[in-house]
Amino acid sequence: MQLPIFVAGLFLSVLVSAVIGYAAGFSSAQLVLFVIAVTVLLQLVYVLVVALLAVDRKRKTQAADDRAPTVPSAQVSPKSDA
């Protein structure tokens, strides 16, 4: 997880949720709880998306490794031994 993107998302989620809460007419205590709840929820979604992308990348990497060409075994026949 890249820290600057996480911090920028955190700041943006706090700002946007505060504006939405203020526009909805929440009191101070309600506004604080709303901002915290929305921020935590959005950050958990962000972490989930990053985790899903990491799992997908790992699966694709393993699939590519499985498709790697294999070298045929070089068996020596008794007739060609000299």
PDB file of N, CA and C in Angstrom:
ATOM      1  N   MET A   1       0.850  -1.164   0.000  1.00  0.00           N
ATOM      2  CA  MET A   1       0.000   0.000   0.000  1.00  0.00           C
ATOM      3  C   MET A   1       0.899   1.232   0.000  1.00  0.00           C
ATOM      4  N   GLN A   2       0.615   2.144  -0.874  1.00  0.00           N
ATOM      5  CA  GLN A   2       1.443   3.333  -0.970  1.00  0.00           C
ATOM      6  C   GLN A   2       0.932   4.385   0.021  1.00  0.00           C
ATOM      7  N   LEU A   3       1.799   4.840   0.902  1.00  0.00           N
ATOM      8  CA  LEU A   3       1.414   5.749   1.970  1.00  0.00           C
ATOM      9  C   LEU A   3       0.876   7.088   1.471  1.00  0.00           C
ATOM     10  N   PRO A   4       1.476   7.744   0.487  1.00  0.00           N
ATOM     11  CA  PRO A   4       0.931   9.041   0.057  1.00  0.00           C
ATOM     12  C   PRO A   4      -0.499   8.951  -0.453  1.00  0.00           C
ATOM     13  N   ILE A   5      -0.829   7.889  -1.180  1.00  0.00           N
ATOM     14  CA  ILE A   5      -2.198   7.725  -1.671  1.00  0.00           C
ATOM     15  C   ILE A   5      -3.138   7.474  -0.500  1.00  0.00           C
ATOM     16  N   PHE A   6      -2.706   6.687   0.466  1.00  0.00           N
ATOM     17  CA  PHE A   6      -3.520   6.406   1.642  1.00  0.00           C
ATOM     18  C   PHE A   6      -3.791   7.683   2.428  1.00  0.00           C
ATOM     19  N   VAL A   7      -2.763   8.498   2.628  1.00  0.00           N
ATOM     20  CA  VAL A   7      -2.915   9.753   3.381  1.00  0.00           C
ATOM     21  C   VAL A   7      -3.783  10.739   2.613  1.00  0.00           C
ATOM     22  N   ALA A   8      -3.597  10.824   1.298  1.00  0.00           N
ATOM     23  CA  ALA A   8      -4.425  11.717   0.485  1.00  0.00           C
ATOM     24  C   ALA A   8      -5.883  11.271   0.526  1.00  0.00           C
ATOM     25  N   GLY A   9      -6.120   9.967   0.444  1.00  0.00           N
ATOM     26  CA  GLY A   9      -7.485   9.451   0.546  1.00  0.00           C
ATOM     27  C   GLY A   9      -8.087   9.712   1.908  1.00  0.00           C
ATOM     28  N   LEU A  10      -7.289   9.593   2.948  1.00  0.00           N
ATOM     29  CA  LEU A  10      -7.758   9.884   4.301  1.00  0.00           C
ATOM     30  C   LEU A  10      -8.164  11.348   4.425  1.00  0.00           C
ATOM     31  N   PHE A  11      -7.316  12.237   3.963  1.00  0.00           N
ATOM     32  CA  PHE A  11      -7.612  13.674   4.029  1.00  0.00           C
ATOM     33  C   PHE A  11      -8.864  14.004   3.206  1.00  0.00           C
ATOM     34  N   LEU A  12      -8.947  13.446   2.017  1.00  0.00           N
ATOM     35  CA  LEU A  12     -10.090  13.714   1.147  1.00  0.00           C
ATOM     36  C   LEU A  12     -11.383  13.167   1.745  1.00  0.00           C
ATOM     37  N   SER A  13     -11.330  11.984   2.332  1.00  0.00           N
ATOM     38  CA  SER A  13     -12.541  11.416   2.936  1.00  0.00           C
ATOM     39  C   SER A  13     -13.002  12.229   4.144  1.00  0.00           C
ATOM     40  N   VAL A  14     -12.070  12.729   4.935  1.00  0.00           N
ATOM     41  CA  VAL A  14     -12.443  13.586   6.067  1.00  0.00           C
ATOM     42  C   VAL A  14     -13.088  14.871   5.568  1.00  0.00           C
ATOM     43  N   LEU A  15     -12.486  15.480   4.569  1.00  0.00           N
ATOM     44  CA  LEU A  15     -12.992  16.737   4.034  1.00  0.00           C
ATOM     45  C   LEU A  15     -14.381  16.566   3.420  1.00  0.00           C
ATOM     46  N   VAL A  16     -14.535  15.574   2.572  1.00  0.00           N
ATOM     47  CA  VAL A  16     -15.819  15.363   1.895  1.00  0.00           C
ATOM     48  C   VAL A  16     -16.907  14.971   2.898  1.00  0.00           C
ATOM     49  N   SER A  17     -16.597  14.088   3.827  1.00  0.00           N
ATOM     50  CA  SER A  17     -17.614  13.684   4.802  1.00  0.00           C
ATOM     51  C   SER A  17     -17.983  14.840   5.728  1.00  0.00           C
ATOM     52  N   ALA A  18     -17.034  15.722   6.052  1.00  0.00           N
ATOM     53  CA  ALA A  18     -17.354  16.894   6.877  1.00  0.00           C
ATOM     54  C   ALA A  18     -18.287  17.840   6.127  1.00  0.00           C
ATOM     55  N   VAL A  19     -18.037  18.034   4.844  1.00  0.00           N
ATOM     56  CA  VAL A  19     -18.903  18.903   4.045  1.00  0.00           C
ATOM     57  C   VAL A  19     -20.303  18.308   3.933  1.00  0.00           C
ATOM     58  N   ILE A  20     -20.384  17.007   3.682  1.00  0.00           N
ATOM     59  CA  ILE A  20     -21.694  16.353   3.576  1.00  0.00           C
ATOM     60  C   ILE A  20     -22.429  16.406   4.914  1.00  0.00           C
ATOM     61  N   GLY A  21     -21.726  16.126   5.995  1.00  0.00           N
ATOM     62  CA  GLY A  21     -22.344  16.175   7.323  1.00  0.00           C
ATOM     63  C   GLY A  21     -22.803  17.570   7.688  1.00  0.00           C
ATOM     64  N   TYR A  22     -22.010  18.573   7.356  1.00  0.00           N
ATOM     65  CA  TYR A  22     -22.394  19.965   7.627  1.00  0.00           C
ATOM     66  C   TYR A  22     -23.616  20.354   6.795  1.00  0.00           C
ATOM     67  N   ALA A  23     -23.633  19.926   5.536  1.00  0.00           N
ATOM     68  CA  ALA A  23     -24.776  20.233   4.668  1.00  0.00           C
ATOM     69  C   ALA A  23     -26.033  19.513   5.141  1.00  0.00           C
ATOM     70  N   ALA A  24     -25.876  18.357   5.776  1.00  0.00           N
ATOM     71  CA  ALA A  24     -27.027  17.620   6.301  1.00  0.00           C
ATOM     72  C   ALA A  24     -27.543  18.215   7.601  1.00  0.00           C
ATOM     73  N   GLY A  25     -26.789  19.139   8.188  1.00  0.00           N
ATOM     74  CA  GLY A  25     -27.238  19.829   9.402  1.00  0.00           C
ATOM     75  C   GLY A  25     -26.943  19.093  10.690  1.00  0.00           C
ATOM     76  N   PHE A  26     -25.906  18.264  10.694  1.00  0.00           N
ATOM     77  CA  PHE A  26     -25.550  17.565  11.930  1.00  0.00           C
ATOM     78  C   PHE A  26     -24.996  18.541  12.955  1.00  0.00           C
ATOM     79  N   SER A  27     -25.258  18.230  14.232  1.00  0.00           N
ATOM     80  CA  SER A  27     -24.656  19.030  15.300  1.00  0.00           C
ATOM     81  C   SER A  27     -23.189  18.631  15.428  1.00  0.00           C
ATOM     82  N   SER A  28     -22.468  19.283  16.303  1.00  0.00           N
ATOM     83  CA  SER A  28     -21.020  19.043  16.430  1.00  0.00           C
ATOM     84  C   SER A  28     -20.688  17.581  16.734  1.00  0.00           C
ATOM     85  N   ALA A  29     -21.349  17.019  17.736  1.00  0.00           N
ATOM     86  CA  ALA A  29     -21.058  15.637  18.119  1.00  0.00           C
ATOM     87  C   ALA A  29     -21.456  14.669  17.000  1.00  0.00           C
ATOM     88  N   GLN A  30     -22.598  14.908  16.405  1.00  0.00           N
ATOM     89  CA  GLN A  30     -23.039  14.045  15.307  1.00  0.00           C
ATOM     90  C   GLN A  30     -22.108  14.166  14.108  1.00  0.00           C
ATOM     91  N   LEU A  31     -21.646  15.375  13.846  1.00  0.00           N
ATOM     92  CA  LEU A  31     -20.746  15.604  12.717  1.00  0.00           C
ATOM     93  C   LEU A  31     -19.427  14.856  12.920  1.00  0.00           C
ATOM     94  N   VAL A  32     -18.894  14.905  14.123  1.00  0.00           N
ATOM     95  CA  VAL A  32     -17.640  14.206  14.413  1.00  0.00           C
ATOM     96  C   VAL A  32     -17.821  12.696  14.236  1.00  0.00           C
ATOM     97  N   LEU A  33     -18.904  12.141  14.775  1.00  0.00           N
ATOM     98  CA  LEU A  33     -19.153  10.713  14.627  1.00  0.00           C
ATOM     99  C   LEU A  33     -19.362  10.331  13.162  1.00  0.00           C
ATOM    100  N   PHE A  34     -20.056  11.170  12.416  1.00  0.00           N
ATOM    101  CA  PHE A  34     -20.286  10.905  10.998  1.00  0.00           C
ATOM    102  C   PHE A  34     -18.971  10.904  10.235  1.00  0.00           C
ATOM    103  N   VAL A  35     -18.141  11.891  10.491  1.00  0.00           N
ATOM    104  CA  VAL A  35     -16.845  11.983   9.800  1.00  0.00           C
ATOM    105  C   VAL A  35     -15.976  10.777  10.127  1.00  0.00           C
ATOM    106  N   ILE A  36     -15.927  10.389  11.375  1.00  0.00           N
ATOM    107  CA  ILE A  36     -15.124   9.229  11.768  1.00  0.00           C
ATOM    108  C   ILE A  36     -15.651   7.959  11.114  1.00  0.00           C
ATOM    109  N   ALA A  37     -16.961   7.771  11.137  1.00  0.00           N
ATOM    110  CA  ALA A  37     -17.555   6.559  10.565  1.00  0.00           C
ATOM    111  C   ALA A  37     -17.305   6.480   9.058  1.00  0.00           C
ATOM    112  N   VAL A  38     -17.528   7.568   8.350  1.00  0.00           N
ATOM    113  CA  VAL A  38     -17.327   7.564   6.900  1.00  0.00           C
ATOM    114  C   VAL A  38     -15.857   7.367   6.567  1.00  0.00           C
ATOM    115  N   THR A  39     -14.991   8.015   7.296  1.00  0.00           N
ATOM    116  CA  THR A  39     -13.549   7.898   7.034  1.00  0.00           C
ATOM    117  C   THR A  39     -13.058   6.467   7.260  1.00  0.00           C
ATOM    118  N   VAL A  40     -13.465   5.870   8.360  1.00  0.00           N
ATOM    119  CA  VAL A  40     -13.052   4.490   8.645  1.00  0.00           C
ATOM    120  C   VAL A  40     -13.597   3.553   7.574  1.00  0.00           C
ATOM    121  N   LEU A  41     -14.844   3.724   7.199  1.00  0.00           N
ATOM    122  CA  LEU A  41     -15.440   2.871   6.176  1.00  0.00           C
ATOM    123  C   LEU A  41     -14.717   2.996   4.833  1.00  0.00           C
ATOM    124  N   LEU A  42     -14.431   4.217   4.411  1.00  0.00           N
ATOM    125  CA  LEU A  42     -13.749   4.414   3.132  1.00  0.00           C
ATOM    126  C   LEU A  42     -12.326   3.868   3.146  1.00  0.00           C
ATOM    127  N   GLN A  43     -11.634   4.003   4.255  1.00  0.00           N
ATOM    128  CA  GLN A  43     -10.275   3.477   4.335  1.00  0.00           C
ATOM    129  C   GLN A  43     -10.273   1.948   4.337  1.00  0.00           C
ATOM    130  N   LEU A  44     -11.271   1.340   4.969  1.00  0.00           N
ATOM    131  CA  LEU A  44     -11.377  -0.117   4.930  1.00  0.00           C
ATOM    132  C   LEU A  44     -11.669  -0.607   3.514  1.00  0.00           C
ATOM    133  N   VAL A  45     -12.492   0.120   2.801  1.00  0.00           N
ATOM    134  CA  VAL A  45     -12.766  -0.231   1.405  1.00  0.00           C
ATOM    135  C   VAL A  45     -11.491  -0.105   0.580  1.00  0.00           C
ATOM    136  N   TYR A  46     -10.717   0.934   0.818  1.00  0.00           N
ATOM    137  CA  TYR A  46      -9.454   1.126   0.094  1.00  0.00           C
ATOM    138  C   TYR A  46      -8.492  -0.040   0.357  1.00  0.00           C
ATOM    139  N   VAL A  47      -8.372  -0.429   1.606  1.00  0.00           N
ATOM    140  CA  VAL A  47      -7.477  -1.535   1.957  1.00  0.00           C
ATOM    141  C   VAL A  47      -7.978  -2.834   1.324  1.00  0.00           C
ATOM    142  N   LEU A  48      -9.293  -3.041   1.296  1.00  0.00           N
ATOM    143  CA  LEU A  48      -9.855  -4.228   0.670  1.00  0.00           C
ATOM    144  C   LEU A  48      -9.554  -4.262  -0.828  1.00  0.00           C
ATOM    145  N   VAL A  49      -9.691  -3.133  -1.491  1.00  0.00           N
ATOM    146  CA  VAL A  49      -9.400  -3.067  -2.928  1.00  0.00           C
ATOM    147  C   VAL A  49      -7.925  -3.365  -3.188  1.00  0.00           C
ATOM    148  N   VAL A  50      -7.044  -2.796  -2.389  1.00  0.00           N
ATOM    149  CA  VAL A  50      -5.606  -3.046  -2.555  1.00  0.00           C
ATOM    150  C   VAL A  50      -5.294  -4.527  -2.318  1.00  0.00           C
ATOM    151  N   ALA A  51      -5.925  -5.127  -1.316  1.00  0.00           N
ATOM    152  CA  ALA A  51      -5.698  -6.546  -1.037  1.00  0.00           C
ATOM    153  C   ALA A  51      -6.208  -7.417  -2.184  1.00  0.00           C
ATOM    154  N   LEU A  52      -7.365  -7.091  -2.730  1.00  0.00           N
ATOM    155  CA  LEU A  52      -7.899  -7.860  -3.854  1.00  0.00           C
ATOM    156  C   LEU A  52      -7.008  -7.732  -5.087  1.00  0.00           C
ATOM    157  N   LEU A  53      -6.474  -6.553  -5.321  1.00  0.00           N
ATOM    158  CA  LEU A  53      -5.567  -6.362  -6.447  1.00  0.00           C
ATOM    159  C   LEU A  53      -4.280  -7.166  -6.256  1.00  0.00           C
ATOM    160  N   ALA A  54      -3.791  -7.234  -5.027  1.00  0.00           N
ATOM    161  CA  ALA A  54      -2.578  -8.004  -4.745  1.00  0.00           C
ATOM    162  C   ALA A  54      -2.825  -9.500  -4.962  1.00  0.00           C
ATOM    163  N   VAL A  55      -3.983  -9.990  -4.540  1.00  0.00           N
ATOM    164  CA  VAL A  55      -4.313 -11.401  -4.734  1.00  0.00           C
ATOM    165  C   VAL A  55      -4.434 -11.701  -6.227  1.00  0.00           C
ATOM    166  N   ASP A  56      -5.066 -10.809  -6.968  1.00  0.00           N
ATOM    167  CA  ASP A  56      -5.221 -11.001  -8.407  1.00  0.00           C
ATOM    168  C   ASP A  56      -3.869 -11.005  -9.107  1.00  0.00           C
ATOM    169  N   ARG A  57      -2.991 -10.109  -8.711  1.00  0.00           N
ATOM    170  CA  ARG A  57      -1.653 -10.058  -9.312  1.00  0.00           C
ATOM    171  C   ARG A  57      -0.874 -11.338  -9.011  1.00  0.00           C
ATOM    172  N   LYS A  58      -0.996 -11.829  -7.776  1.00  0.00           N
ATOM    173  CA  LYS A  58      -0.299 -13.051  -7.404  1.00  0.00           C
ATOM    174  C   LYS A  58      -0.835 -14.234  -8.206  1.00  0.00           C
ATOM    175  N   ARG A  59      -2.158 -14.302  -8.383  1.00  0.00           N
ATOM    176  CA  ARG A  59      -2.766 -15.383  -9.149  1.00  0.00           C
ATOM    177  C   ARG A  59      -2.307 -15.347 -10.604  1.00  0.00           C
ATOM    178  N   LYS A  60      -2.257 -14.156 -11.189  1.00  0.00           N
ATOM    179  CA  LYS A  60      -1.808 -14.034 -12.577  1.00  0.00           C
ATOM    180  C   LYS A  60      -0.333 -14.400 -12.719  1.00  0.00           C
ATOM    181  N   THR A  61       0.476 -14.032 -11.750  1.00  0.00           N
ATOM    182  CA  THR A  61       1.902 -14.367 -11.785  1.00  0.00           C
ATOM    183  C   THR A  61       2.100 -15.872 -11.694  1.00  0.00           C
ATOM    184  N   GLN A  62       1.352 -16.513 -10.807  1.00  0.00           N
ATOM    185  CA  GLN A  62       1.475 -17.965 -10.673  1.00  0.00           C
ATOM    186  C   GLN A  62       0.981 -18.669 -11.930  1.00  0.00           C
ATOM    187  N   ALA A  63      -0.074 -18.151 -12.542  1.00  0.00           N
ATOM    188  CA  ALA A  63      -0.589 -18.751 -13.774  1.00  0.00           C
ATOM    189  C   ALA A  63       0.436 -18.616 -14.900  1.00  0.00           C
ATOM    190  N   ALA A  64       1.111 -17.476 -14.951  1.00  0.00           N
ATOM    191  CA  ALA A  64       2.139 -17.275 -15.975  1.00  0.00           C
ATOM    192  C   ALA A  64       3.322 -18.213 -15.736  1.00  0.00           C
ATOM    193  N   ASP A  65       3.661 -18.447 -14.477  1.00  0.00           N
ATOM    194  CA  ASP A  65       4.755 -19.364 -14.164  1.00  0.00           C
ATOM    195  C   ASP A  65       4.397 -20.796 -14.537  1.00  0.00           C
ATOM    196  N   ASP A  66       3.128 -21.160 -14.380  1.00  0.00           N
ATOM    197  CA  ASP A  66       2.691 -22.513 -14.717  1.00  0.00           C
ATOM    198  C   ASP A  66       2.745 -22.754 -16.219  1.00  0.00           C
ATOM    199  N   ARG A  67       2.591 -21.688 -17.006  1.00  0.00           N
ATOM    200  CA  ARG A  67       2.597 -21.826 -18.452  1.00  0.00           C
ATOM    201  C   ARG A  67       3.998 -21.720 -19.048  1.00  0.00           C
ATOM    202  N   ALA A  68       5.000 -21.600 -18.219  1.00  0.00           N
ATOM    203  CA  ALA A  68       6.374 -21.478 -18.721  1.00  0.00           C
ATOM    204  C   ALA A  68       6.751 -22.753 -19.460  1.00  0.00           C
ATOM    205  N   PRO A  69       7.434 -22.616 -20.567  1.00  0.00           N
ATOM    206  CA  PRO A  69       7.809 -23.813 -21.330  1.00  0.00           C
ATOM    207  C   PRO A  69       8.777 -24.684 -20.544  1.00  0.00           C
ATOM    208  N   THR A  70       8.581 -25.965 -20.680  1.00  0.00           N
ATOM    209  CA  THR A  70       9.465 -26.895 -19.981  1.00  0.00           C
ATOM    210  C   THR A  70      10.411 -27.522 -20.998  1.00  0.00           C
ATOM    211  N   VAL A  71      11.578 -27.843 -20.543  1.00  0.00           N
ATOM    212  CA  VAL A  71      12.585 -28.466 -21.395  1.00  0.00           C
ATOM    213  C   VAL A  71      12.307 -29.962 -21.395  1.00  0.00           C
ATOM    214  N   PRO A  72      12.184 -30.571 -22.575  1.00  0.00           N
ATOM    215  CA  PRO A  72      11.940 -32.013 -22.594  1.00  0.00           C
ATOM    216  C   PRO A  72      13.137 -32.760 -22.025  1.00  0.00           C
ATOM    217  N   SER A  73      12.834 -33.840 -21.353  1.00  0.00           N
ATOM    218  CA  SER A  73      13.930 -34.599 -20.756  1.00  0.00           C
ATOM    219  C   SER A  73      14.740 -35.276 -21.861  1.00  0.00           C
ATOM    220  N   ALA A  74      16.028 -35.288 -21.697  1.00  0.00           N
ATOM    221  CA  ALA A  74      16.928 -35.882 -22.693  1.00  0.00           C
ATOM    222  C   ALA A  74      17.249 -37.297 -22.247  1.00  0.00           C
ATOM    223  N   GLN A  75      16.469 -38.239 -22.739  1.00  0.00           N
ATOM    224  CA  GLN A  75      16.726 -39.633 -22.393  1.00  0.00           C
ATOM    225  C   GLN A  75      17.682 -40.228 -23.427  1.00  0.00           C
ATOM    226  N   VAL A  76      18.622 -40.973 -22.937  1.00  0.00           N
ATOM    227  CA  VAL A  76      19.630 -41.578 -23.813  1.00  0.00           C
ATOM    228  C   VAL A  76      19.220 -43.006 -24.080  1.00  0.00           C
ATOM    229  N   SER A  77      19.150 -43.335 -25.345  1.00  0.00           N
ATOM    230  CA  SER A  77      18.811 -44.711 -25.695  1.00  0.00           C
ATOM    231  C   SER A  77      20.092 -45.552 -25.706  1.00  0.00           C
ATOM    232  N   PRO A  78      19.974 -46.824 -25.443  1.00  0.00           N
ATOM    233  CA  PRO A  78      21.170 -47.683 -25.427  1.00  0.00           C
ATOM    234  C   PRO A  78      21.845 -47.756 -26.802  1.00  0.00           C
ATOM    235  N   LYS A  79      21.131 -47.554 -27.875  1.00  0.00           N
ATOM    236  CA  LYS A  79      21.724 -47.628 -29.211  1.00  0.00           C
ATOM    237  C   LYS A  79      22.618 -46.432 -29.491  1.00  0.00           C
ATOM    238  N   SER A  80      22.293 -45.284 -28.886  1.00  0.00           N
ATOM    239  CA  SER A  80      23.097 -44.104 -29.200  1.00  0.00           C
ATOM    240  C   SER A  80      24.291 -43.944 -28.277  1.00  0.00           C
ATOM    241  N   ASP A  81      24.394 -44.790 -27.257  1.00  0.00           N
ATOM    242  CA  ASP A  81      25.556 -44.712 -26.388  1.00  0.00           C
ATOM    243  C   ASP A  81      26.785 -45.229 -27.144  1.00  0.00           C
ATOM    244  N   ALA A  82      27.821 -44.481 -27.124  1.00  0.00           N
ATOM    245  CA  ALA A  82      29.012 -44.927 -27.844  1.00  0.00           C
ATOM    246  C   ALA A  82      30.160 -45.103 -26.892  1.00  0.00           C
TER     247      ALA A  82
END
